[in-house]
Amino acid sequence: MTPTPPTPTPPRQPDHGLDEPWQAQLFAMTVALQDGGVIAADEWALALGARIAASEAPDGSDYWDCWAAALTDLLAAKGLVGQADLSATTAAWHDAAAHTPHGQPIVLPGR
């Protein structure tokens, strides 16, 4: 009797659940911008799809980074955020994160 070969395991689908508070906040901001008519669902789908297609992480581990980049792309394309503002806010966030005790919320100065 010939042994039966093992059944191949299908590739694991990436889990895009909300693992971090910033992911939930990013999701909520995107929904609010869609609900407010700032971005349309179809342009959002195209922007996110383009970022995912350009991703260098075939396992989908950078899904939320792609999400953030796609939202930034759309807001910049609409003139709602400039590169200087984006760079300054990013730097302020990294600085605040570096000086925030573990487990405490990150607060940007003056916000």
PDB file of N, CA and C in Angstrom:
ATOM      1  N   MET A   1       0.847  -1.168   0.000  1.00  0.00           N
ATOM      2  CA  MET A   1       0.000   0.000   0.000  1.00  0.00           C
ATOM      3  C   MET A   1       0.893   1.232   0.000  1.00  0.00           C
ATOM      4  N   THR A   2       0.607   2.167  -0.892  1.00  0.00           N
ATOM      5  CA  THR A   2       1.398   3.388  -1.018  1.00  0.00           C
ATOM      6  C   THR A   2       0.876   4.418  -0.026  1.00  0.00           C
ATOM      7  N   PRO A   3       1.798   5.059   0.739  1.00  0.00           N
ATOM      8  CA  PRO A   3       1.326   6.067   1.689  1.00  0.00           C
ATOM      9  C   PRO A   3       0.741   7.284   0.957  1.00  0.00           C
ATOM     10  N   THR A   4      -0.269   7.859   1.555  1.00  0.00           N
ATOM     11  CA  THR A   4      -0.905   9.052   0.991  1.00  0.00           C
ATOM     12  C   THR A   4      -0.047  10.261   1.305  1.00  0.00           C
ATOM     13  N   PRO A   5       0.257  11.063   0.288  1.00  0.00           N
ATOM     14  CA  PRO A   5       1.069  12.252   0.565  1.00  0.00           C
ATOM     15  C   PRO A   5       0.275  13.235   1.428  1.00  0.00           C
ATOM     16  N   PRO A   6       0.982  13.996   2.237  1.00  0.00           N
ATOM     17  CA  PRO A   6       0.273  14.953   3.089  1.00  0.00           C
ATOM     18  C   PRO A   6      -0.438  16.018   2.250  1.00  0.00           C
ATOM     19  N   THR A   7      -1.549  16.467   2.772  1.00  0.00           N
ATOM     20  CA  THR A   7      -2.299  17.530   2.103  1.00  0.00           C
ATOM     21  C   THR A   7      -1.549  18.835   2.302  1.00  0.00           C
ATOM     22  N   PRO A   8      -1.298  19.567   1.223  1.00  0.00           N
ATOM     23  CA  PRO A   8      -0.578  20.825   1.395  1.00  0.00           C
ATOM     24  C   PRO A   8      -1.407  21.822   2.211  1.00  0.00           C
ATOM     25  N   THR A   9      -0.725  22.548   3.030  1.00  0.00           N
ATOM     26  CA  THR A   9      -1.384  23.580   3.827  1.00  0.00           C
ATOM     27  C   THR A   9      -1.497  24.838   2.984  1.00  0.00           C
ATOM     28  N   PRO A  10      -2.706  25.410   2.912  1.00  0.00           N
ATOM     29  CA  PRO A  10      -2.826  26.640   2.117  1.00  0.00           C
ATOM     30  C   PRO A  10      -2.011  27.760   2.745  1.00  0.00           C
ATOM     31  N   PRO A  11      -1.564  28.702   1.934  1.00  0.00           N
ATOM     32  CA  PRO A  11      -0.782  29.800   2.502  1.00  0.00           C
ATOM     33  C   PRO A  11      -1.611  30.557   3.538  1.00  0.00           C
ATOM     34  N   ARG A  12      -0.941  31.011   4.573  1.00  0.00           N
ATOM     35  CA  ARG A  12      -1.609  31.765   5.635  1.00  0.00           C
ATOM     36  C   ARG A  12      -2.008  33.139   5.112  1.00  0.00           C
ATOM     37  N   GLN A  13      -3.241  33.485   5.338  1.00  0.00           N
ATOM     38  CA  GLN A  13      -3.703  34.812   4.957  1.00  0.00           C
ATOM     39  C   GLN A  13      -3.274  35.798   6.033  1.00  0.00           C
ATOM     40  N   PRO A  14      -2.816  36.968   5.651  1.00  0.00           N
ATOM     41  CA  PRO A  14      -2.393  37.937   6.654  1.00  0.00           C
ATOM     42  C   PRO A  14      -3.572  38.371   7.518  1.00  0.00           C
ATOM     43  N   ASP A  15      -3.293  38.596   8.777  1.00  0.00           N
ATOM     44  CA  ASP A  15      -4.292  39.078   9.715  1.00  0.00           C
ATOM     45  C   ASP A  15      -4.135  40.582   9.820  1.00  0.00           C
ATOM     46  N   HIS A  16      -5.152  41.306   9.408  1.00  0.00           N
ATOM     47  CA  HIS A  16      -5.071  42.759   9.440  1.00  0.00           C
ATOM     48  C   HIS A  16      -5.922  43.316  10.572  1.00  0.00           C
ATOM     49  N   GLY A  17      -5.969  42.580  11.663  1.00  0.00           N
ATOM     50  CA  GLY A  17      -6.725  43.057  12.814  1.00  0.00           C
ATOM     51  C   GLY A  17      -6.074  44.283  13.432  1.00  0.00           C
ATOM     52  N   LEU A  18      -6.781  44.876  14.341  1.00  0.00           N
ATOM     53  CA  LEU A  18      -6.285  46.074  15.027  1.00  0.00           C
ATOM     54  C   LEU A  18      -5.497  45.626  16.255  1.00  0.00           C
ATOM     55  N   ASP A  19      -4.177  45.623  16.127  1.00  0.00           N
ATOM     56  CA  ASP A  19      -3.316  45.159  17.206  1.00  0.00           C
ATOM     57  C   ASP A  19      -2.810  46.288  18.091  1.00  0.00           C
ATOM     58  N   GLU A  20      -2.839  47.496  17.585  1.00  0.00           N
ATOM     59  CA  GLU A  20      -2.290  48.645  18.312  1.00  0.00           C
ATOM     60  C   GLU A  20      -3.296  49.783  18.293  1.00  0.00           C
ATOM     61  N   PRO A  21      -3.301  50.617  19.334  1.00  0.00           N
ATOM     62  CA  PRO A  21      -4.236  51.757  19.346  1.00  0.00           C
ATOM     63  C   PRO A  21      -4.094  52.672  18.133  1.00  0.00           C
ATOM     64  N   TRP A  22      -2.874  52.886  17.650  1.00  0.00           N
ATOM     65  CA  TRP A  22      -2.705  53.782  16.518  1.00  0.00           C
ATOM     66  C   TRP A  22      -3.392  53.251  15.271  1.00  0.00           C
ATOM     67  N   GLN A  23      -3.501  51.921  15.157  1.00  0.00           N
ATOM     68  CA  GLN A  23      -4.179  51.344  14.002  1.00  0.00           C
ATOM     69  C   GLN A  23      -5.677  51.648  14.067  1.00  0.00           C
ATOM     70  N   ALA A  24      -6.249  51.540  15.250  1.00  0.00           N
ATOM     71  CA  ALA A  24      -7.667  51.870  15.425  1.00  0.00           C
ATOM     72  C   ALA A  24      -7.903  53.358  15.154  1.00  0.00           C
ATOM     73  N   GLN A  25      -6.992  54.197  15.600  1.00  0.00           N
ATOM     74  CA  GLN A  25      -7.132  55.636  15.370  1.00  0.00           C
ATOM     75  C   GLN A  25      -7.021  55.948  13.879  1.00  0.00           C
ATOM     76  N   LEU A  26      -6.088  55.308  13.213  1.00  0.00           N
ATOM     77  CA  LEU A  26      -5.921  55.506  11.768  1.00  0.00           C
ATOM     78  C   LEU A  26      -7.175  55.060  11.020  1.00  0.00           C
ATOM     79  N   PHE A  27      -7.709  53.919  11.405  1.00  0.00           N
ATOM     80  CA  PHE A  27      -8.930  53.412  10.805  1.00  0.00           C
ATOM     81  C   PHE A  27     -10.072  54.412  11.020  1.00  0.00           C
ATOM     82  N   ALA A  28     -10.212  54.883  12.258  1.00  0.00           N
ATOM     83  CA  ALA A  28     -11.293  55.825  12.590  1.00  0.00           C
ATOM     84  C   ALA A  28     -11.147  57.142  11.825  1.00  0.00           C
ATOM     85  N   MET A  29      -9.917  57.627  11.689  1.00  0.00           N
ATOM     86  CA  MET A  29      -9.706  58.858  10.922  1.00  0.00           C
ATOM     87  C   MET A  29     -10.133  58.672   9.472  1.00  0.00           C
ATOM     88  N   THR A  30      -9.787  57.530   8.905  1.00  0.00           N
ATOM     89  CA  THR A  30     -10.126  57.265   7.508  1.00  0.00           C
ATOM     90  C   THR A  30     -11.638  57.202   7.325  1.00  0.00           C
ATOM     91  N   VAL A  31     -12.312  56.523   8.241  1.00  0.00           N
ATOM     92  CA  VAL A  31     -13.773  56.428   8.164  1.00  0.00           C
ATOM     93  C   VAL A  31     -14.395  57.817   8.316  1.00  0.00           C
ATOM     94  N   ALA A  32     -13.889  58.612   9.260  1.00  0.00           N
ATOM     95  CA  ALA A  32     -14.419  59.960   9.466  1.00  0.00           C
ATOM     96  C   ALA A  32     -14.214  60.831   8.225  1.00  0.00           C
ATOM     97  N   LEU A  33     -13.070  60.696   7.580  1.00  0.00           N
ATOM     98  CA  LEU A  33     -12.811  61.469   6.363  1.00  0.00           C
ATOM     99  C   LEU A  33     -13.729  61.034   5.222  1.00  0.00           C
ATOM    100  N   GLN A  34     -14.029  59.736   5.166  1.00  0.00           N
ATOM    101  CA  GLN A  34     -14.975  59.260   4.159  1.00  0.00           C
ATOM    102  C   GLN A  34     -16.381  59.742   4.492  1.00  0.00           C
ATOM    103  N   ASP A  35     -16.777  59.601   5.746  1.00  0.00           N
ATOM    104  CA  ASP A  35     -18.115  60.040   6.165  1.00  0.00           C
ATOM    105  C   ASP A  35     -18.303  61.538   5.950  1.00  0.00           C
ATOM    106  N   GLY A  36     -17.231  62.307   6.109  1.00  0.00           N
ATOM    107  CA  GLY A  36     -17.295  63.751   5.928  1.00  0.00           C
ATOM    108  C   GLY A  36     -17.173  64.199   4.482  1.00  0.00           C
ATOM    109  N   GLY A  37     -17.018  63.249   3.572  1.00  0.00           N
ATOM    110  CA  GLY A  37     -16.939  63.589   2.162  1.00  0.00           C
ATOM    111  C   GLY A  37     -15.587  64.120   1.710  1.00  0.00           C
ATOM    112  N   VAL A  38     -14.577  63.993   2.566  1.00  0.00           N
ATOM    113  CA  VAL A  38     -13.241  64.480   2.206  1.00  0.00           C
ATOM    114  C   VAL A  38     -12.579  63.531   1.213  1.00  0.00           C
ATOM    115  N   ILE A  39     -12.740  62.242   1.435  1.00  0.00           N
ATOM    116  CA  ILE A  39     -12.223  61.249   0.488  1.00  0.00           C
ATOM    117  C   ILE A  39     -13.359  60.291   0.140  1.00  0.00           C
ATOM    118  N   ALA A  40     -13.372  59.856  -1.103  1.00  0.00           N
ATOM    119  CA  ALA A  40     -14.391  58.915  -1.562  1.00  0.00           C
ATOM    120  C   ALA A  40     -13.884  57.486  -1.392  1.00  0.00           C
ATOM    121  N   ALA A  41     -14.814  56.579  -1.207  1.00  0.00           N
ATOM    122  CA  ALA A  41     -14.450  55.173  -1.001  1.00  0.00           C
ATOM    123  C   ALA A  41     -13.640  54.626  -2.172  1.00  0.00           C
ATOM    124  N   ASP A  42     -14.004  54.992  -3.400  1.00  0.00           N
ATOM    125  CA  ASP A  42     -13.286  54.449  -4.558  1.00  0.00           C
ATOM    126  C   ASP A  42     -11.859  54.991  -4.639  1.00  0.00           C
ATOM    127  N   GLU A  43     -11.661  56.274  -4.324  1.00  0.00           N
ATOM    128  CA  GLU A  43     -10.291  56.800  -4.363  1.00  0.00           C
ATOM    129  C   GLU A  43      -9.471  56.224  -3.215  1.00  0.00           C
ATOM    130  N   TRP A  44     -10.126  55.942  -2.081  1.00  0.00           N
ATOM    131  CA  TRP A  44      -9.427  55.306  -0.958  1.00  0.00           C
ATOM    132  C   TRP A  44      -8.975  53.909  -1.359  1.00  0.00           C
ATOM    133  N   ALA A  45      -9.875  53.153  -1.981  1.00  0.00           N
ATOM    134  CA  ALA A  45      -9.530  51.791  -2.392  1.00  0.00           C
ATOM    135  C   ALA A  45      -8.358  51.792  -3.369  1.00  0.00           C
ATOM    136  N   LEU A  46      -8.352  52.732  -4.306  1.00  0.00           N
ATOM    137  CA  LEU A  46      -7.256  52.820  -5.272  1.00  0.00           C
ATOM    138  C   LEU A  46      -5.936  53.191  -4.582  1.00  0.00           C
ATOM    139  N   ALA A  47      -5.991  54.151  -3.651  1.00  0.00           N
ATOM    140  CA  ALA A  47      -4.770  54.587  -2.961  1.00  0.00           C
ATOM    141  C   ALA A  47      -4.196  53.464  -2.103  1.00  0.00           C
ATOM    142  N   LEU A  48      -5.059  52.790  -1.340  1.00  0.00           N
ATOM    143  CA  LEU A  48      -4.578  51.698  -0.493  1.00  0.00           C
ATOM    144  C   LEU A  48      -4.077  50.545  -1.352  1.00  0.00           C
ATOM    145  N   GLY A  49      -4.812  50.225  -2.405  1.00  0.00           N
ATOM    146  CA  GLY A  49      -4.389  49.145  -3.298  1.00  0.00           C
ATOM    147  C   GLY A  49      -3.037  49.425  -3.934  1.00  0.00           C
ATOM    148  N   ALA A  50      -2.787  50.671  -4.311  1.00  0.00           N
ATOM    149  CA  ALA A  50      -1.499  51.028  -4.914  1.00  0.00           C
ATOM    150  C   ALA A  50      -0.368  50.852  -3.911  1.00  0.00           C
ATOM    151  N   ARG A  51      -0.603  51.277  -2.671  1.00  0.00           N
ATOM    152  CA  ARG A  51       0.439  51.129  -1.644  1.00  0.00           C
ATOM    153  C   ARG A  51       0.700  49.654  -1.333  1.00  0.00           C
ATOM    154  N   ILE A  52      -0.343  48.857  -1.264  1.00  0.00           N
ATOM    155  CA  ILE A  52      -0.167  47.425  -0.991  1.00  0.00           C
ATOM    156  C   ILE A  52       0.561  46.758  -2.160  1.00  0.00           C
ATOM    157  N   ALA A  53       0.198  47.126  -3.389  1.00  0.00           N
ATOM    158  CA  ALA A  53       0.851  46.547  -4.569  1.00  0.00           C
ATOM    159  C   ALA A  53       2.337  46.882  -4.604  1.00  0.00           C
ATOM    160  N   ALA A  54       2.698  48.070  -4.095  1.00  0.00           N
ATOM    161  CA  ALA A  54       4.102  48.489  -4.101  1.00  0.00           C
ATOM    162  C   ALA A  54       4.867  47.983  -2.883  1.00  0.00           C
ATOM    163  N   SER A  55       4.184  47.323  -1.983  1.00  0.00           N
ATOM    164  CA  SER A  55       4.800  46.853  -0.740  1.00  0.00           C
ATOM    165  C   SER A  55       5.896  45.835  -1.003  1.00  0.00           C
ATOM    166  N   GLU A  56       6.899  45.876  -0.166  1.00  0.00           N
ATOM    167  CA  GLU A  56       7.993  44.909  -0.261  1.00  0.00           C
ATOM    168  C   GLU A  56       7.855  43.795   0.770  1.00  0.00           C
ATOM    169  N   ALA A  57       6.705  43.749   1.457  1.00  0.00           N
ATOM    170  CA  ALA A  57       6.460  42.708   2.454  1.00  0.00           C
ATOM    171  C   ALA A  57       5.392  41.760   1.917  1.00  0.00           C
ATOM    172  N   PRO A  58       5.804  40.670   1.273  1.00  0.00           N
ATOM    173  CA  PRO A  58       4.826  39.772   0.664  1.00  0.00           C
ATOM    174  C   PRO A  58       3.885  39.114   1.675  1.00  0.00           C
ATOM    175  N   ASP A  59       4.269  39.131   2.950  1.00  0.00           N
ATOM    176  CA  ASP A  59       3.415  38.516   3.964  1.00  0.00           C
ATOM    177  C   ASP A  59       2.357  39.478   4.498  1.00  0.00           C
ATOM    178  N   GLY A  60       2.339  40.713   4.004  1.00  0.00           N
ATOM    179  CA  GLY A  60       1.343  41.679   4.446  1.00  0.00           C
ATOM    180  C   GLY A  60       1.622  42.292   5.800  1.00  0.00           C
ATOM    181  N   SER A  61       2.821  42.097   6.323  1.00  0.00           N
ATOM    182  CA  SER A  61       3.140  42.593   7.662  1.00  0.00           C
ATOM    183  C   SER A  61       3.184  44.119   7.742  1.00  0.00           C
ATOM    184  N   ASP A  62       3.246  44.771   6.598  1.00  0.00           N
ATOM    185  CA  ASP A  62       3.277  46.230   6.599  1.00  0.00           C
ATOM    186  C   ASP A  62       1.931  46.832   6.188  1.00  0.00           C
ATOM    187  N   TYR A  63       0.854  46.059   6.359  1.00  0.00           N
ATOM    188  CA  TYR A  63      -0.479  46.497   5.945  1.00  0.00           C
ATOM    189  C   TYR A  63      -0.842  47.852   6.529  1.00  0.00           C
ATOM    190  N   TRP A  64      -0.664  48.038   7.826  1.00  0.00           N
ATOM    191  CA  TRP A  64      -1.057  49.293   8.452  1.00  0.00           C
ATOM    192  C   TRP A  64      -0.123  50.433   8.067  1.00  0.00           C
ATOM    193  N   ASP A  65       1.123  50.130   7.774  1.00  0.00           N
ATOM    194  CA  ASP A  65       2.028  51.163   7.253  1.00  0.00           C
ATOM    195  C   ASP A  65       1.558  51.599   5.861  1.00  0.00           C
ATOM    196  N   CYS A  66       1.112  50.630   5.058  1.00  0.00           N
ATOM    197  CA  CYS A  66       0.564  50.963   3.739  1.00  0.00           C
ATOM    198  C   CYS A  66      -0.693  51.816   3.894  1.00  0.00           C
ATOM    199  N   TRP A  67      -1.503  51.472   4.881  1.00  0.00           N
ATOM    200  CA  TRP A  67      -2.742  52.229   5.134  1.00  0.00           C
ATOM    201  C   TRP A  67      -2.391  53.683   5.451  1.00  0.00           C
ATOM    202  N   ALA A  68      -1.436  53.876   6.375  1.00  0.00           N
ATOM    203  CA  ALA A  68      -1.035  55.233   6.774  1.00  0.00           C
ATOM    204  C   ALA A  68      -0.464  56.003   5.587  1.00  0.00           C
ATOM    205  N   ALA A  69       0.362  55.345   4.793  1.00  0.00           N
ATOM    206  CA  ALA A  69       0.965  56.003   3.632  1.00  0.00           C
ATOM    207  C   ALA A  69      -0.104  56.372   2.600  1.00  0.00           C
ATOM    208  N   ALA A  70      -1.080  55.497   2.393  1.00  0.00           N
ATOM    209  CA  ALA A  70      -2.148  55.778   1.428  1.00  0.00           C
ATOM    210  C   ALA A  70      -2.976  56.971   1.883  1.00  0.00           C
ATOM    211  N   LEU A  71      -3.271  57.046   3.168  1.00  0.00           N
ATOM    212  CA  LEU A  71      -4.040  58.180   3.670  1.00  0.00           C
ATOM    213  C   LEU A  71      -3.233  59.464   3.536  1.00  0.00           C
ATOM    214  N   THR A  72      -1.963  59.403   3.840  1.00  0.00           N
ATOM    215  CA  THR A  72      -1.091  60.568   3.678  1.00  0.00           C
ATOM    216  C   THR A  72      -1.045  60.995   2.219  1.00  0.00           C
ATOM    217  N   ASP A  73      -0.936  60.028   1.312  1.00  0.00           N
ATOM    218  CA  ASP A  73      -0.917  60.328  -0.125  1.00  0.00           C
ATOM    219  C   ASP A  73      -2.170  61.103  -0.535  1.00  0.00           C
ATOM    220  N   LEU A  74      -3.326  60.620  -0.088  1.00  0.00           N
ATOM    221  CA  LEU A  74      -4.581  61.270  -0.473  1.00  0.00           C
ATOM    222  C   LEU A  74      -4.692  62.674   0.109  1.00  0.00           C
ATOM    223  N   LEU A  75      -4.337  62.823   1.379  1.00  0.00           N
ATOM    224  CA  LEU A  75      -4.440  64.139   2.010  1.00  0.00           C
ATOM    225  C   LEU A  75      -3.478  65.135   1.366  1.00  0.00           C
ATOM    226  N   ALA A  76      -2.296  64.663   0.988  1.00  0.00           N
ATOM    227  CA  ALA A  76      -1.336  65.537   0.315  1.00  0.00           C
ATOM    228  C   ALA A  76      -1.832  65.894  -1.084  1.00  0.00           C
ATOM    229  N   ALA A  77      -2.384  64.922  -1.799  1.00  0.00           N
ATOM    230  CA  ALA A  77      -2.873  65.172  -3.154  1.00  0.00           C
ATOM    231  C   ALA A  77      -4.020  66.184  -3.157  1.00  0.00           C
ATOM    232  N   LYS A  78      -4.772  66.212  -2.084  1.00  0.00           N
ATOM    233  CA  LYS A  78      -5.889  67.154  -1.969  1.00  0.00           C
ATOM    234  C   LYS A  78      -5.447  68.493  -1.373  1.00  0.00           C
ATOM    235  N   GLY A  79      -4.169  68.606  -1.048  1.00  0.00           N
ATOM    236  CA  GLY A  79      -3.656  69.846  -0.482  1.00  0.00           C
ATOM    237  C   GLY A  79      -4.070  70.074   0.965  1.00  0.00           C
ATOM    238  N   LEU A  80      -4.458  69.015   1.658  1.00  0.00           N
ATOM    239  CA  LEU A  80      -4.909  69.146   3.041  1.00  0.00           C
ATOM    240  C   LEU A  80      -3.776  69.030   4.049  1.00  0.00           C
ATOM    241  N   VAL A  81      -2.651  68.513   3.599  1.00  0.00           N
ATOM    242  CA  VAL A  81      -1.470  68.434   4.452  1.00  0.00           C
ATOM    243  C   VAL A  81      -0.249  68.648   3.559  1.00  0.00           C
ATOM    244  N   GLY A  82       0.622  69.520   4.004  1.00  0.00           N
ATOM    245  CA  GLY A  82       1.845  69.775   3.251  1.00  0.00           C
ATOM    246  C   GLY A  82       2.993  68.934   3.771  1.00  0.00           C
ATOM    247  N   GLN A  83       3.999  68.761   2.952  1.00  0.00           N
ATOM    248  CA  GLN A  83       5.146  67.954   3.353  1.00  0.00           C
ATOM    249  C   GLN A  83       5.832  68.522   4.581  1.00  0.00           C
ATOM    250  N   ALA A  84       5.929  69.856   4.681  1.00  0.00           N
ATOM    251  CA  ALA A  84       6.582  70.470   5.844  1.00  0.00           C
ATOM    252  C   ALA A  84       5.803  70.162   7.121  1.00  0.00           C
ATOM    253  N   ASP A  85       4.469  70.288   7.053  1.00  0.00           N
ATOM    254  CA  ASP A  85       3.647  69.968   8.223  1.00  0.00           C
ATOM    255  C   ASP A  85       3.752  68.498   8.588  1.00  0.00           C
ATOM    256  N   LEU A  86       3.724  67.662   7.580  1.00  0.00           N
ATOM    257  CA  LEU A  86       3.820  66.224   7.816  1.00  0.00           C
ATOM    258  C   LEU A  86       5.158  65.871   8.457  1.00  0.00           C
ATOM    259  N   SER A  87       6.243  66.426   7.942  1.00  0.00           N
ATOM    260  CA  SER A  87       7.574  66.156   8.498  1.00  0.00           C
ATOM    261  C   SER A  87       7.687  66.664   9.934  1.00  0.00           C
ATOM    262  N   ALA A  88       7.166  67.849  10.188  1.00  0.00           N
ATOM    263  CA  ALA A  88       7.241  68.419  11.541  1.00  0.00           C
ATOM    264  C   ALA A  88       6.423  67.596  12.528  1.00  0.00           C
ATOM    265  N   THR A  89       5.243  67.173  12.120  1.00  0.00           N
ATOM    266  CA  THR A  89       4.396  66.375  13.010  1.00  0.00           C
ATOM    267  C   THR A  89       5.004  65.005  13.254  1.00  0.00           C
ATOM    268  N   THR A  90       5.566  64.409  12.226  1.00  0.00           N
ATOM    269  CA  THR A  90       6.222  63.109  12.379  1.00  0.00           C
ATOM    270  C   THR A  90       7.387  63.209  13.353  1.00  0.00           C
ATOM    271  N   ALA A  91       8.211  64.250  13.203  1.00  0.00           N
ATOM    272  CA  ALA A  91       9.348  64.450  14.109  1.00  0.00           C
ATOM    273  C   ALA A  91       8.869  64.690  15.537  1.00  0.00           C
ATOM    274  N   ALA A  92       7.816  65.493  15.696  1.00  0.00           N
ATOM    275  CA  ALA A  92       7.280  65.762  17.038  1.00  0.00           C
ATOM    276  C   ALA A  92       6.735  64.496  17.669  1.00  0.00           C
ATOM    277  N   TRP A  93       6.085  63.659  16.875  1.00  0.00           N
ATOM    278  CA  TRP A  93       5.547  62.410  17.404  1.00  0.00           C
ATOM    279  C   TRP A  93       6.663  61.481  17.859  1.00  0.00           C
ATOM    280  N   HIS A  94       7.698  61.345  17.040  1.00  0.00           N
ATOM    281  CA  HIS A  94       8.820  60.470  17.418  1.00  0.00           C
ATOM    282  C   HIS A  94       9.500  60.977  18.688  1.00  0.00           C
ATOM    283  N   ASP A  95       9.652  62.291  18.802  1.00  0.00           N
ATOM    284  CA  ASP A  95      10.254  62.867  19.999  1.00  0.00           C
ATOM    285  C   ASP A  95       9.373  62.615  21.218  1.00  0.00           C
ATOM    286  N   ALA A  96       8.070  62.846  21.070  1.00  0.00           N
ATOM    287  CA  ALA A  96       7.150  62.616  22.188  1.00  0.00           C
ATOM    288  C   ALA A  96       7.134  61.138  22.578  1.00  0.00           C
ATOM    289  N   ALA A  97       7.157  60.252  21.585  1.00  0.00           N
ATOM    290  CA  ALA A  97       7.158  58.812  21.870  1.00  0.00           C
ATOM    291  C   ALA A  97       8.413  58.413  22.632  1.00  0.00           C
ATOM    292  N   ALA A  98       9.537  58.985  22.266  1.00  0.00           N
ATOM    293  CA  ALA A  98      10.803  58.660  22.934  1.00  0.00           C
ATOM    294  C   ALA A  98      10.825  59.133  24.386  1.00  0.00           C
ATOM    295  N   HIS A  99      10.023  60.148  24.700  1.00  0.00           N
ATOM    296  CA  HIS A  99      10.019  60.707  26.051  1.00  0.00           C
ATOM    297  C   HIS A  99       8.772  60.351  26.856  1.00  0.00           C
ATOM    298  N   THR A 100       7.973  59.429  26.351  1.00  0.00           N
ATOM    299  CA  THR A 100       6.760  59.016  27.047  1.00  0.00           C
ATOM    300  C   THR A 100       7.005  57.687  27.739  1.00  0.00           C
ATOM    301  N   PRO A 101       6.706  57.608  29.037  1.00  0.00           N
ATOM    302  CA  PRO A 101       6.874  56.330  29.739  1.00  0.00           C
ATOM    303  C   PRO A 101       5.989  55.240  29.121  1.00  0.00           C
ATOM    304  N   HIS A 102       6.505  54.033  29.133  1.00  0.00           N
ATOM    305  CA  HIS A 102       5.783  52.887  28.590  1.00  0.00           C
ATOM    306  C   HIS A 102       4.395  52.795  29.219  1.00  0.00           C
ATOM    307  N   GLY A 103       3.406  52.592  28.381  1.00  0.00           N
ATOM    308  CA  GLY A 103       2.045  52.421  28.860  1.00  0.00           C
ATOM    309  C   GLY A 103       1.256  53.715  28.967  1.00  0.00           C
ATOM    310  N   GLN A 104       1.924  54.836  28.786  1.00  0.00           N
ATOM    311  CA  GLN A 104       1.243  56.121  28.865  1.00  0.00           C
ATOM    312  C   GLN A 104       0.905  56.580  27.444  1.00  0.00           C
ATOM    313  N   PRO A 105      -0.170  57.367  27.315  1.00  0.00           N
ATOM    314  CA  PRO A 105      -0.487  57.857  25.969  1.00  0.00           C
ATOM    315  C   PRO A 105       0.535  58.886  25.510  1.00  0.00           C
ATOM    316  N   ILE A 106       0.814  58.868  24.225  1.00  0.00           N
ATOM    317  CA  ILE A 106       1.724  59.845  23.636  1.00  0.00           C
ATOM    318  C   ILE A 106       0.941  61.119  23.359  1.00  0.00           C
ATOM    319  N   VAL A 107       1.433  62.226  23.862  1.00  0.00           N
ATOM    320  CA  VAL A 107       0.774  63.511  23.678  1.00  0.00           C
ATOM    321  C   VAL A 107       1.752  64.456  22.975  1.00  0.00           C
ATOM    322  N   LEU A 108       1.294  65.019  21.878  1.00  0.00           N
ATOM    323  CA  LEU A 108       2.126  65.988  21.173  1.00  0.00           C
ATOM    324  C   LEU A 108       1.982  67.353  21.840  1.00  0.00           C
ATOM    325  N   PRO A 109       3.079  68.043  22.032  1.00  0.00           N
ATOM    326  CA  PRO A 109       3.010  69.373  22.655  1.00  0.00           C
ATOM    327  C   PRO A 109       2.130  70.303  21.830  1.00  0.00           C
ATOM    328  N   GLY A 110       1.328  71.087  22.532  1.00  0.00           N
ATOM    329  CA  GLY A 110       0.492  72.073  21.873  1.00  0.00           C
ATOM    330  C   GLY A 110      -0.702  71.490  21.135  1.00  0.00           C
ATOM    331  N   ARG A 111      -1.017  70.258  21.371  1.00  0.00           N
ATOM    332  CA  ARG A 111      -2.167  69.640  20.654  1.00  0.00           C
ATOM    333  C   ARG A 111      -3.210  69.219  21.659  1.00  0.00           C
TER     334      ARG A 111
END
